[in-house]
Amino acid sequence: MVEGIIYRYRCGIAWRDLPETFGKWQTVWTWHRRMAGDGTWDTALARLTAHADAAGELDWSLSVDSTIARAHQHATNITRLKKGFVELHESGRRAA
């Protein structure tokens, strides 16, 4: 079960795409959900990280993803002042 959970995190796949060698994906997901819910997964991760850091086996390099996620125009939180599109020049008048 643990190897299935780690594989999923490492590959970034959906639970349904978990290879059959790890068993049914529903079983692995349920086991992970229970461990994450009661704090067992966080405790194990903290202990493993502390042990690896103390042994000098942990590289604290950081990788930042610069992917842009564009939102649809209706996904904004702008209040509509008129029926239809918000006109940009109205916000300019308020700022003046």
PDB file of N, CA and C in Angstrom:
ATOM      1  N   MET A   1       0.820  -1.191   0.000  1.00  0.00           N
ATOM      2  CA  MET A   1       0.000   0.000   0.000  1.00  0.00           C
ATOM      3  C   MET A   1       0.868   1.260   0.000  1.00  0.00           C
ATOM      4  N   VAL A   2       1.873   1.283   0.847  1.00  0.00           N
ATOM      5  CA  VAL A   2       2.731   2.462   0.943  1.00  0.00           C
ATOM      6  C   VAL A   2       3.452   2.708  -0.387  1.00  0.00           C
ATOM      7  N   GLU A   3       3.921   1.644  -1.013  1.00  0.00           N
ATOM      8  CA  GLU A   3       4.600   1.804  -2.300  1.00  0.00           C
ATOM      9  C   GLU A   3       3.648   2.354  -3.361  1.00  0.00           C
ATOM     10  N   GLY A   4       2.390   1.938  -3.328  1.00  0.00           N
ATOM     11  CA  GLY A   4       1.398   2.453  -4.266  1.00  0.00           C
ATOM     12  C   GLY A   4       1.141   3.934  -4.055  1.00  0.00           C
ATOM     13  N   ILE A   5       1.065   4.350  -2.799  1.00  0.00           N
ATOM     14  CA  ILE A   5       0.844   5.759  -2.476  1.00  0.00           C
ATOM     15  C   ILE A   5       2.036   6.596  -2.922  1.00  0.00           C
ATOM     16  N   ILE A   6       3.226   6.112  -2.627  1.00  0.00           N
ATOM     17  CA  ILE A   6       4.434   6.842  -3.007  1.00  0.00           C
ATOM     18  C   ILE A   6       4.557   6.915  -4.533  1.00  0.00           C
ATOM     19  N   TYR A   7       4.236   5.824  -5.213  1.00  0.00           N
ATOM     20  CA  TYR A   7       4.289   5.809  -6.675  1.00  0.00           C
ATOM     21  C   TYR A   7       3.351   6.867  -7.246  1.00  0.00           C
ATOM     22  N   ARG A   8       2.164   6.953  -6.688  1.00  0.00           N
ATOM     23  CA  ARG A   8       1.191   7.934  -7.175  1.00  0.00           C
ATOM     24  C   ARG A   8       1.700   9.357  -6.978  1.00  0.00           C
ATOM     25  N   TYR A   9       2.277   9.654  -5.810  1.00  0.00           N
ATOM     26  CA  TYR A   9       2.832  10.986  -5.563  1.00  0.00           C
ATOM     27  C   TYR A   9       4.002  11.282  -6.495  1.00  0.00           C
ATOM     28  N   ARG A  10       4.885  10.302  -6.674  1.00  0.00           N
ATOM     29  CA  ARG A  10       6.079  10.510  -7.493  1.00  0.00           C
ATOM     30  C   ARG A  10       5.734  10.756  -8.952  1.00  0.00           C
ATOM     31  N   CYS A  11       4.749  10.031  -9.472  1.00  0.00           N
ATOM     32  CA  CYS A  11       4.388  10.150 -10.888  1.00  0.00           C
ATOM     33  C   CYS A  11       3.354  11.233 -11.150  1.00  0.00           C
ATOM     34  N   GLY A  12       2.613  11.652 -10.135  1.00  0.00           N
ATOM     35  CA  GLY A  12       1.596  12.676 -10.316  1.00  0.00           C
ATOM     36  C   GLY A  12       0.402  12.187 -11.113  1.00  0.00           C
ATOM     37  N   ILE A  13       0.067  10.925 -10.955  1.00  0.00           N
ATOM     38  CA  ILE A  13      -1.041  10.344 -11.717  1.00  0.00           C
ATOM     39  C   ILE A  13      -2.327  10.358 -10.896  1.00  0.00           C
ATOM     40  N   ALA A  14      -3.431  10.134 -11.562  1.00  0.00           N
ATOM     41  CA  ALA A  14      -4.711   9.989 -10.874  1.00  0.00           C
ATOM     42  C   ALA A  14      -4.743   8.620 -10.202  1.00  0.00           C
ATOM     43  N   TRP A  15      -5.551   8.499  -9.161  1.00  0.00           N
ATOM     44  CA  TRP A  15      -5.654   7.223  -8.452  1.00  0.00           C
ATOM     45  C   TRP A  15      -6.064   6.103  -9.398  1.00  0.00           C
ATOM     46  N   ARG A  16      -6.949   6.385 -10.328  1.00  0.00           N
ATOM     47  CA  ARG A  16      -7.444   5.362 -11.260  1.00  0.00           C
ATOM     48  C   ARG A  16      -6.352   4.843 -12.193  1.00  0.00           C
ATOM     49  N   ASP A  17      -5.267   5.593 -12.360  1.00  0.00           N
ATOM     50  CA  ASP A  17      -4.183   5.187 -13.243  1.00  0.00           C
ATOM     51  C   ASP A  17      -3.088   4.405 -12.527  1.00  0.00           C
ATOM     52  N   LEU A  18      -3.297   4.083 -11.266  1.00  0.00           N
ATOM     53  CA  LEU A  18      -2.320   3.319 -10.492  1.00  0.00           C
ATOM     54  C   LEU A  18      -2.175   1.922 -11.103  1.00  0.00           C
ATOM     55  N   PRO A  19      -0.940   1.475 -11.376  1.00  0.00           N
ATOM     56  CA  PRO A  19      -0.756   0.146 -11.982  1.00  0.00           C
ATOM     57  C   PRO A  19      -1.346  -0.961 -11.103  1.00  0.00           C
ATOM     58  N   GLU A  20      -1.775  -2.027 -11.746  1.00  0.00           N
ATOM     59  CA  GLU A  20      -2.420  -3.134 -11.044  1.00  0.00           C
ATOM     60  C   GLU A  20      -1.486  -3.870 -10.095  1.00  0.00           C
ATOM     61  N   THR A  21      -0.180  -3.680 -10.236  1.00  0.00           N
ATOM     62  CA  THR A  21       0.774  -4.352  -9.342  1.00  0.00           C
ATOM     63  C   THR A  21       0.609  -3.908  -7.892  1.00  0.00           C
ATOM     64  N   PHE A  22      -0.002  -2.760  -7.677  1.00  0.00           N
ATOM     65  CA  PHE A  22      -0.227  -2.254  -6.327  1.00  0.00           C
ATOM     66  C   PHE A  22      -1.591  -2.665  -5.781  1.00  0.00           C
ATOM     67  N   GLY A  23      -2.354  -3.409  -6.542  1.00  0.00           N
ATOM     68  CA  GLY A  23      -3.687  -3.818  -6.121  1.00  0.00           C
ATOM     69  C   GLY A  23      -4.738  -2.872  -6.673  1.00  0.00           C
ATOM     70  N   LYS A  24      -5.950  -3.018  -6.165  1.00  0.00           N
ATOM     71  CA  LYS A  24      -7.041  -2.154  -6.621  1.00  0.00           C
ATOM     72  C   LYS A  24      -6.772  -0.722  -6.174  1.00  0.00           C
ATOM     73  N   TRP A  25      -6.983   0.227  -7.084  1.00  0.00           N
ATOM     74  CA  TRP A  25      -6.705   1.627  -6.750  1.00  0.00           C
ATOM     75  C   TRP A  25      -7.627   2.101  -5.628  1.00  0.00           C
ATOM     76  N   GLN A  26      -8.847   1.576  -5.563  1.00  0.00           N
ATOM     77  CA  GLN A  26      -9.787   1.994  -4.521  1.00  0.00           C
ATOM     78  C   GLN A  26      -9.257   1.615  -3.127  1.00  0.00           C
ATOM     79  N   THR A  27      -8.634   0.447  -3.034  1.00  0.00           N
ATOM     80  CA  THR A  27      -8.080  -0.006  -1.764  1.00  0.00           C
ATOM     81  C   THR A  27      -6.919   0.884  -1.334  1.00  0.00           C
ATOM     82  N   VAL A  28      -6.023   1.191  -2.272  1.00  0.00           N
ATOM     83  CA  VAL A  28      -4.875   2.051  -1.962  1.00  0.00           C
ATOM     84  C   VAL A  28      -5.360   3.444  -1.569  1.00  0.00           C
ATOM     85  N   TRP A  29      -6.354   3.967  -2.290  1.00  0.00           N
ATOM     86  CA  TRP A  29      -6.892   5.290  -1.986  1.00  0.00           C
ATOM     87  C   TRP A  29      -7.527   5.318  -0.600  1.00  0.00           C
ATOM     88  N   THR A  30      -8.316   4.284  -0.281  1.00  0.00           N
ATOM     89  CA  THR A  30      -8.973   4.225   1.026  1.00  0.00           C
ATOM     90  C   THR A  30      -7.942   4.168   2.138  1.00  0.00           C
ATOM     91  N   TRP A  31      -6.896   3.375   1.953  1.00  0.00           N
ATOM     92  CA  TRP A  31      -5.855   3.252   2.967  1.00  0.00           C
ATOM     93  C   TRP A  31      -5.138   4.589   3.161  1.00  0.00           C
ATOM     94  N   HIS A  32      -4.832   5.267   2.050  1.00  0.00           N
ATOM     95  CA  HIS A  32      -4.181   6.574   2.136  1.00  0.00           C
ATOM     96  C   HIS A  32      -5.088   7.594   2.816  1.00  0.00           C
ATOM     97  N   ARG A  33      -6.363   7.566   2.476  1.00  0.00           N
ATOM     98  CA  ARG A  33      -7.315   8.513   3.070  1.00  0.00           C
ATOM     99  C   ARG A  33      -7.395   8.340   4.583  1.00  0.00           C
ATOM    100  N   ARG A  34      -7.425   7.100   5.041  1.00  0.00           N
ATOM    101  CA  ARG A  34      -7.467   6.844   6.487  1.00  0.00           C
ATOM    102  C   ARG A  34      -6.191   7.311   7.171  1.00  0.00           C
ATOM    103  N   MET A  35      -5.035   7.004   6.561  1.00  0.00           N
ATOM    104  CA  MET A  35      -3.756   7.411   7.157  1.00  0.00           C
ATOM    105  C   MET A  35      -3.604   8.928   7.171  1.00  0.00           C
ATOM    106  N   ALA A  36      -4.062   9.584   6.127  1.00  0.00           N
ATOM    107  CA  ALA A  36      -3.970  11.043   6.076  1.00  0.00           C
ATOM    108  C   ALA A  36      -4.957  11.668   7.058  1.00  0.00           C
ATOM    109  N   GLY A  37      -6.113  11.051   7.222  1.00  0.00           N
ATOM    110  CA  GLY A  37      -7.139  11.602   8.110  1.00  0.00           C
ATOM    111  C   GLY A  37      -6.769  11.553   9.573  1.00  0.00           C
ATOM    112  N   ASP A  38      -6.096  10.486  10.009  1.00  0.00           N
ATOM    113  CA  ASP A  38      -5.768  10.375  11.438  1.00  0.00           C
ATOM    114  C   ASP A  38      -4.365  10.883  11.770  1.00  0.00           C
ATOM    115  N   GLY A  39      -3.647  11.405  10.773  1.00  0.00           N
ATOM    116  CA  GLY A  39      -2.335  12.008  11.012  1.00  0.00           C
ATOM    117  C   GLY A  39      -1.169  11.043  10.902  1.00  0.00           C
ATOM    118  N   THR A  40      -1.429   9.775  10.623  1.00  0.00           N
ATOM    119  CA  THR A  40      -0.361   8.785  10.521  1.00  0.00           C
ATOM    120  C   THR A  40       0.597   9.108   9.384  1.00  0.00           C
ATOM    121  N   TRP A  41       0.062   9.522   8.243  1.00  0.00           N
ATOM    122  CA  TRP A  41       0.902   9.825   7.082  1.00  0.00           C
ATOM    123  C   TRP A  41       1.825  11.009   7.373  1.00  0.00           C
ATOM    124  N   ASP A  42       1.320  12.058   8.022  1.00  0.00           N
ATOM    125  CA  ASP A  42       2.145  13.225   8.362  1.00  0.00           C
ATOM    126  C   ASP A  42       3.241  12.848   9.362  1.00  0.00           C
ATOM    127  N   THR A  43       2.897  12.012  10.337  1.00  0.00           N
ATOM    128  CA  THR A  43       3.883  11.582  11.329  1.00  0.00           C
ATOM    129  C   THR A  43       4.996  10.774  10.674  1.00  0.00           C
ATOM    130  N   ALA A  44       4.636   9.838   9.816  1.00  0.00           N
ATOM    131  CA  ALA A  44       5.646   9.021   9.125  1.00  0.00           C
ATOM    132  C   ALA A  44       6.544   9.890   8.251  1.00  0.00           C
ATOM    133  N   LEU A  45       5.947  10.822   7.522  1.00  0.00           N
ATOM    134  CA  LEU A  45       6.733  11.706   6.663  1.00  0.00           C
ATOM    135  C   LEU A  45       7.686  12.572   7.486  1.00  0.00           C
ATOM    136  N   ALA A  46       7.219  13.101   8.615  1.00  0.00           N
ATOM    137  CA  ALA A  46       8.070  13.939   9.470  1.00  0.00           C
ATOM    138  C   ALA A  46       9.246  13.140  10.026  1.00  0.00           C
ATOM    139  N   ARG A  47       8.987  11.915  10.458  1.00  0.00           N
ATOM    140  CA  ARG A  47      10.068  11.079  11.013  1.00  0.00           C
ATOM    141  C   ARG A  47      11.077  10.686   9.936  1.00  0.00           C
ATOM    142  N   LEU A  48      10.590  10.310   8.766  1.00  0.00           N
ATOM    143  CA  LEU A  48      11.509   9.950   7.680  1.00  0.00           C
ATOM    144  C   LEU A  48      12.337  11.143   7.229  1.00  0.00           C
ATOM    145  N   THR A  49      11.721  12.313   7.153  1.00  0.00           N
ATOM    146  CA  THR A  49      12.441  13.520   6.752  1.00  0.00           C
ATOM    147  C   THR A  49      13.505  13.888   7.783  1.00  0.00           C
ATOM    148  N   ALA A  50      13.159  13.819   9.077  1.00  0.00           N
ATOM    149  CA  ALA A  50      14.117  14.138  10.136  1.00  0.00           C
ATOM    150  C   ALA A  50      15.288  13.165  10.116  1.00  0.00           C
ATOM    151  N   HIS A  51      15.012  11.878   9.915  1.00  0.00           N
ATOM    152  CA  HIS A  51      16.067  10.864   9.876  1.00  0.00           C
ATOM    153  C   HIS A  51      16.992  11.087   8.675  1.00  0.00           C
ATOM    154  N   ALA A  52      16.424  11.347   7.506  1.00  0.00           N
ATOM    155  CA  ALA A  52      17.230  11.577   6.299  1.00  0.00           C
ATOM    156  C   ALA A  52      18.049  12.856   6.418  1.00  0.00           C
ATOM    157  N   ASP A  53      17.482  13.891   7.043  1.00  0.00           N
ATOM    158  CA  ASP A  53      18.201  15.154   7.208  1.00  0.00           C
ATOM    159  C   ASP A  53      19.364  14.981   8.179  1.00  0.00           C
ATOM    160  N   ALA A  54      19.148  14.248   9.268  1.00  0.00           N
ATOM    161  CA  ALA A  54      20.215  14.013  10.248  1.00  0.00           C
ATOM    162  C   ALA A  54      21.347  13.198   9.648  1.00  0.00           C
ATOM    163  N   ALA A  55      21.038  12.306   8.723  1.00  0.00           N
ATOM    164  CA  ALA A  55      22.058  11.479   8.079  1.00  0.00           C
ATOM    165  C   ALA A  55      22.719  12.197   6.907  1.00  0.00           C
ATOM    166  N   GLY A  56      22.256  13.406   6.583  1.00  0.00           N
ATOM    167  CA  GLY A  56      22.825  14.165   5.484  1.00  0.00           C
ATOM    168  C   GLY A  56      22.412  13.642   4.114  1.00  0.00           C
ATOM    169  N   GLU A  57      21.331  12.900   4.062  1.00  0.00           N
ATOM    170  CA  GLU A  57      20.870  12.303   2.811  1.00  0.00           C
ATOM    171  C   GLU A  57      19.776  13.119   2.132  1.00  0.00           C
ATOM    172  N   LEU A  58      19.465  14.275   2.684  1.00  0.00           N
ATOM    173  CA  LEU A  58      18.363  15.068   2.157  1.00  0.00           C
ATOM    174  C   LEU A  58      18.908  16.316   1.481  1.00  0.00           C
ATOM    175  N   ASP A  59      18.493  16.525   0.249  1.00  0.00           N
ATOM    176  CA  ASP A  59      18.896  17.698  -0.508  1.00  0.00           C
ATOM    177  C   ASP A  59      17.735  18.681  -0.488  1.00  0.00           C
ATOM    178  N   TRP A  60      17.933  19.836   0.099  1.00  0.00           N
ATOM    179  CA  TRP A  60      16.847  20.804   0.259  1.00  0.00           C
ATOM    180  C   TRP A  60      16.745  21.742  -0.940  1.00  0.00           C
ATOM    181  N   SER A  61      16.959  21.226  -2.150  1.00  0.00           N
ATOM    182  CA  SER A  61      16.786  22.022  -3.360  1.00  0.00           C
ATOM    183  C   SER A  61      15.308  22.308  -3.555  1.00  0.00           C
ATOM    184  N   LEU A  62      15.027  23.418  -4.186  1.00  0.00           N
ATOM    185  CA  LEU A  62      13.645  23.819  -4.399  1.00  0.00           C
ATOM    186  C   LEU A  62      13.386  23.971  -5.884  1.00  0.00           C
ATOM    187  N   SER A  63      12.258  23.453  -6.324  1.00  0.00           N
ATOM    188  CA  SER A  63      11.863  23.575  -7.720  1.00  0.00           C
ATOM    189  C   SER A  63      10.522  24.291  -7.775  1.00  0.00           C
ATOM    190  N   VAL A  64      10.452  25.354  -8.564  1.00  0.00           N
ATOM    191  CA  VAL A  64       9.222  26.131  -8.656  1.00  0.00           C
ATOM    192  C   VAL A  64       8.648  25.970 -10.055  1.00  0.00           C
ATOM    193  N   ASP A  65       7.379  25.662 -10.123  1.00  0.00           N
ATOM    194  CA  ASP A  65       6.702  25.493 -11.399  1.00  0.00           C
ATOM    195  C   ASP A  65       6.145  26.843 -11.824  1.00  0.00           C
ATOM    196  N   SER A  66       6.415  27.238 -13.037  1.00  0.00           N
ATOM    197  CA  SER A  66       5.951  28.545 -13.509  1.00  0.00           C
ATOM    198  C   SER A  66       4.789  28.417 -14.483  1.00  0.00           C
ATOM    199  N   THR A  67       4.020  27.360 -14.347  1.00  0.00           N
ATOM    200  CA  THR A  67       2.871  27.153 -15.224  1.00  0.00           C
ATOM    201  C   THR A  67       1.818  28.220 -14.966  1.00  0.00           C
ATOM    202  N   ILE A  68       1.205  28.705 -16.021  1.00  0.00           N
ATOM    203  CA  ILE A  68       0.161  29.709 -15.896  1.00  0.00           C
ATOM    204  C   ILE A  68      -1.185  29.034 -16.090  1.00  0.00           C
ATOM    205  N   ALA A  69      -2.099  29.280 -15.177  1.00  0.00           N
ATOM    206  CA  ALA A  69      -3.454  28.744 -15.307  1.00  0.00           C
ATOM    207  C   ALA A  69      -4.377  29.920 -15.592  1.00  0.00           C
ATOM    208  N   ARG A  70      -4.904  29.967 -16.778  1.00  0.00           N
ATOM    209  CA  ARG A  70      -5.798  31.064 -17.154  1.00  0.00           C
ATOM    210  C   ARG A  70      -7.212  30.752 -16.691  1.00  0.00           C
ATOM    211  N   ALA A  71      -7.873  31.755 -16.174  1.00  0.00           N
ATOM    212  CA  ALA A  71      -9.247  31.597 -15.704  1.00  0.00           C
ATOM    213  C   ALA A  71     -10.216  32.180 -16.723  1.00  0.00           C
ATOM    214  N   HIS A  72     -11.383  31.619 -16.775  1.00  0.00           N
ATOM    215  CA  HIS A  72     -12.438  32.141 -17.634  1.00  0.00           C
ATOM    216  C   HIS A  72     -12.873  33.496 -17.094  1.00  0.00           C
ATOM    217  N   GLN A  73     -13.390  34.360 -17.940  1.00  0.00           N
ATOM    218  CA  GLN A  73     -13.778  35.705 -17.507  1.00  0.00           C
ATOM    219  C   GLN A  73     -14.829  35.673 -16.411  1.00  0.00           C
ATOM    220  N   HIS A  74     -15.644  34.633 -16.362  1.00  0.00           N
ATOM    221  CA  HIS A  74     -16.676  34.549 -15.330  1.00  0.00           C
ATOM    222  C   HIS A  74     -16.144  33.975 -14.022  1.00  0.00           C
ATOM    223  N   ALA A  75     -14.883  33.586 -13.998  1.00  0.00           N
ATOM    224  CA  ALA A  75     -14.283  33.049 -12.783  1.00  0.00           C
ATOM    225  C   ALA A  75     -13.726  34.148 -11.884  1.00  0.00           C
ATOM    226  N   THR A  76     -13.786  35.391 -12.300  1.00  0.00           N
ATOM    227  CA  THR A  76     -13.269  36.496 -11.497  1.00  0.00           C
ATOM    228  C   THR A  76     -14.276  36.897 -10.438  1.00  0.00           C
ATOM    229  N   ASN A  77     -13.838  37.716  -9.512  1.00  0.00           N
ATOM    230  CA  ASN A  77     -14.733  38.193  -8.467  1.00  0.00           C
ATOM    231  C   ASN A  77     -15.127  39.655  -8.679  1.00  0.00           C
ATOM    232  N   ILE A  78     -15.086  40.102  -9.919  1.00  0.00           N
ATOM    233  CA  ILE A  78     -15.462  41.481 -10.242  1.00  0.00           C
ATOM    234  C   ILE A  78     -16.979  41.596 -10.231  1.00  0.00           C
ATOM    235  N   THR A  79     -17.482  42.599  -9.559  1.00  0.00           N
ATOM    236  CA  THR A  79     -18.914  42.836  -9.529  1.00  0.00           C
ATOM    237  C   THR A  79     -19.338  43.494 -10.840  1.00  0.00           C
ATOM    238  N   ARG A  80     -20.388  43.001 -11.422  1.00  0.00           N
ATOM    239  CA  ARG A  80     -20.886  43.588 -12.668  1.00  0.00           C
ATOM    240  C   ARG A  80     -21.714  44.828 -12.333  1.00  0.00           C
ATOM    241  N   LEU A  81     -21.341  45.947 -12.944  1.00  0.00           N
ATOM    242  CA  LEU A  81     -22.036  47.198 -12.698  1.00  0.00           C
ATOM    243  C   LEU A  81     -23.194  47.403 -13.664  1.00  0.00           C
ATOM    244  N   LYS A  82     -23.118  46.766 -14.809  1.00  0.00           N
ATOM    245  CA  LYS A  82     -24.150  46.878 -15.833  1.00  0.00           C
ATOM    246  C   LYS A  82     -24.500  45.481 -16.318  1.00  0.00           C
ATOM    247  N   LYS A  83     -25.504  45.370 -17.106  1.00  0.00           N
ATOM    248  CA  LYS A  83     -25.791  44.095 -17.740  1.00  0.00           C
ATOM    249  C   LYS A  83     -24.719  43.865 -18.792  1.00  0.00           C
ATOM    250  N   GLY A  84     -24.053  42.753 -18.772  1.00  0.00           N
ATOM    251  CA  GLY A  84     -23.010  42.493 -19.755  1.00  0.00           C
ATOM    252  C   GLY A  84     -21.633  42.696 -19.151  1.00  0.00           C
ATOM    253  N   PHE A  85     -20.679  43.105 -19.969  1.00  0.00           N
ATOM    254  CA  PHE A  85     -19.297  43.195 -19.541  1.00  0.00           C
ATOM    255  C   PHE A  85     -19.038  44.436 -18.681  1.00  0.00           C
ATOM    256  N   VAL A  86     -18.104  44.296 -17.752  1.00  0.00           N
ATOM    257  CA  VAL A  86     -17.673  45.436 -16.955  1.00  0.00           C
ATOM    258  C   VAL A  86     -16.765  46.282 -17.832  1.00  0.00           C
ATOM    259  N   GLU A  87     -17.044  47.547 -17.904  1.00  0.00           N
ATOM    260  CA  GLU A  87     -16.234  48.407 -18.746  1.00  0.00           C
ATOM    261  C   GLU A  87     -15.030  48.896 -17.970  1.00  0.00           C
ATOM    262  N   LEU A  88     -13.852  48.798 -18.568  1.00  0.00           N
ATOM    263  CA  LEU A  88     -12.618  49.131 -17.874  1.00  0.00           C
ATOM    264  C   LEU A  88     -12.494  50.589 -17.534  1.00  0.00           C
ATOM    265  N   HIS A  89     -13.064  51.486 -18.330  1.00  0.00           N
ATOM    266  CA  HIS A  89     -12.904  52.912 -18.043  1.00  0.00           C
ATOM    267  C   HIS A  89     -13.672  53.318 -16.781  1.00  0.00           C
ATOM    268  N   GLU A  90     -14.644  52.536 -16.327  1.00  0.00           N
ATOM    269  CA  GLU A  90     -15.354  52.865 -15.092  1.00  0.00           C
ATOM    270  C   GLU A  90     -14.430  52.756 -13.896  1.00  0.00           C
ATOM    271  N   SER A  91     -13.563  51.756 -13.872  1.00  0.00           N
ATOM    272  CA  SER A  91     -12.640  51.616 -12.746  1.00  0.00           C
ATOM    273  C   SER A  91     -11.628  52.765 -12.752  1.00  0.00           C
ATOM    274  N   GLY A  92     -11.292  53.303 -13.930  1.00  0.00           N
ATOM    275  CA  GLY A  92     -10.381  54.435 -14.023  1.00  0.00           C
ATOM    276  C   GLY A  92     -10.986  55.697 -13.430  1.00  0.00           C
ATOM    277  N   ARG A  93     -12.288  55.898 -13.602  1.00  0.00           N
ATOM    278  CA  ARG A  93     -12.952  57.069 -13.028  1.00  0.00           C
ATOM    279  C   ARG A  93     -12.972  56.997 -11.512  1.00  0.00           C
ATOM    280  N   ARG A  94     -13.176  55.800 -10.969  1.00  0.00           N
ATOM    281  CA  ARG A  94     -13.218  55.660  -9.507  1.00  0.00           C
ATOM    282  C   ARG A  94     -11.855  55.916  -8.891  1.00  0.00           C
ATOM    283  N   ALA A  95     -10.790  55.609  -9.601  1.00  0.00           N
ATOM    284  CA  ALA A  95      -9.446  55.777  -9.069  1.00  0.00           C
ATOM    285  C   ALA A  95      -9.039  57.250  -9.041  1.00  0.00           C
ATOM    286  N   ALA A  96      -9.658  58.064  -9.872  1.00  0.00           N
ATOM    287  CA  ALA A  96      -9.269  59.464  -9.979  1.00  0.00           C
ATOM    288  C   ALA A  96      -9.784  60.309  -8.836  1.00  0.00           C
TER     289      ALA A  96
END
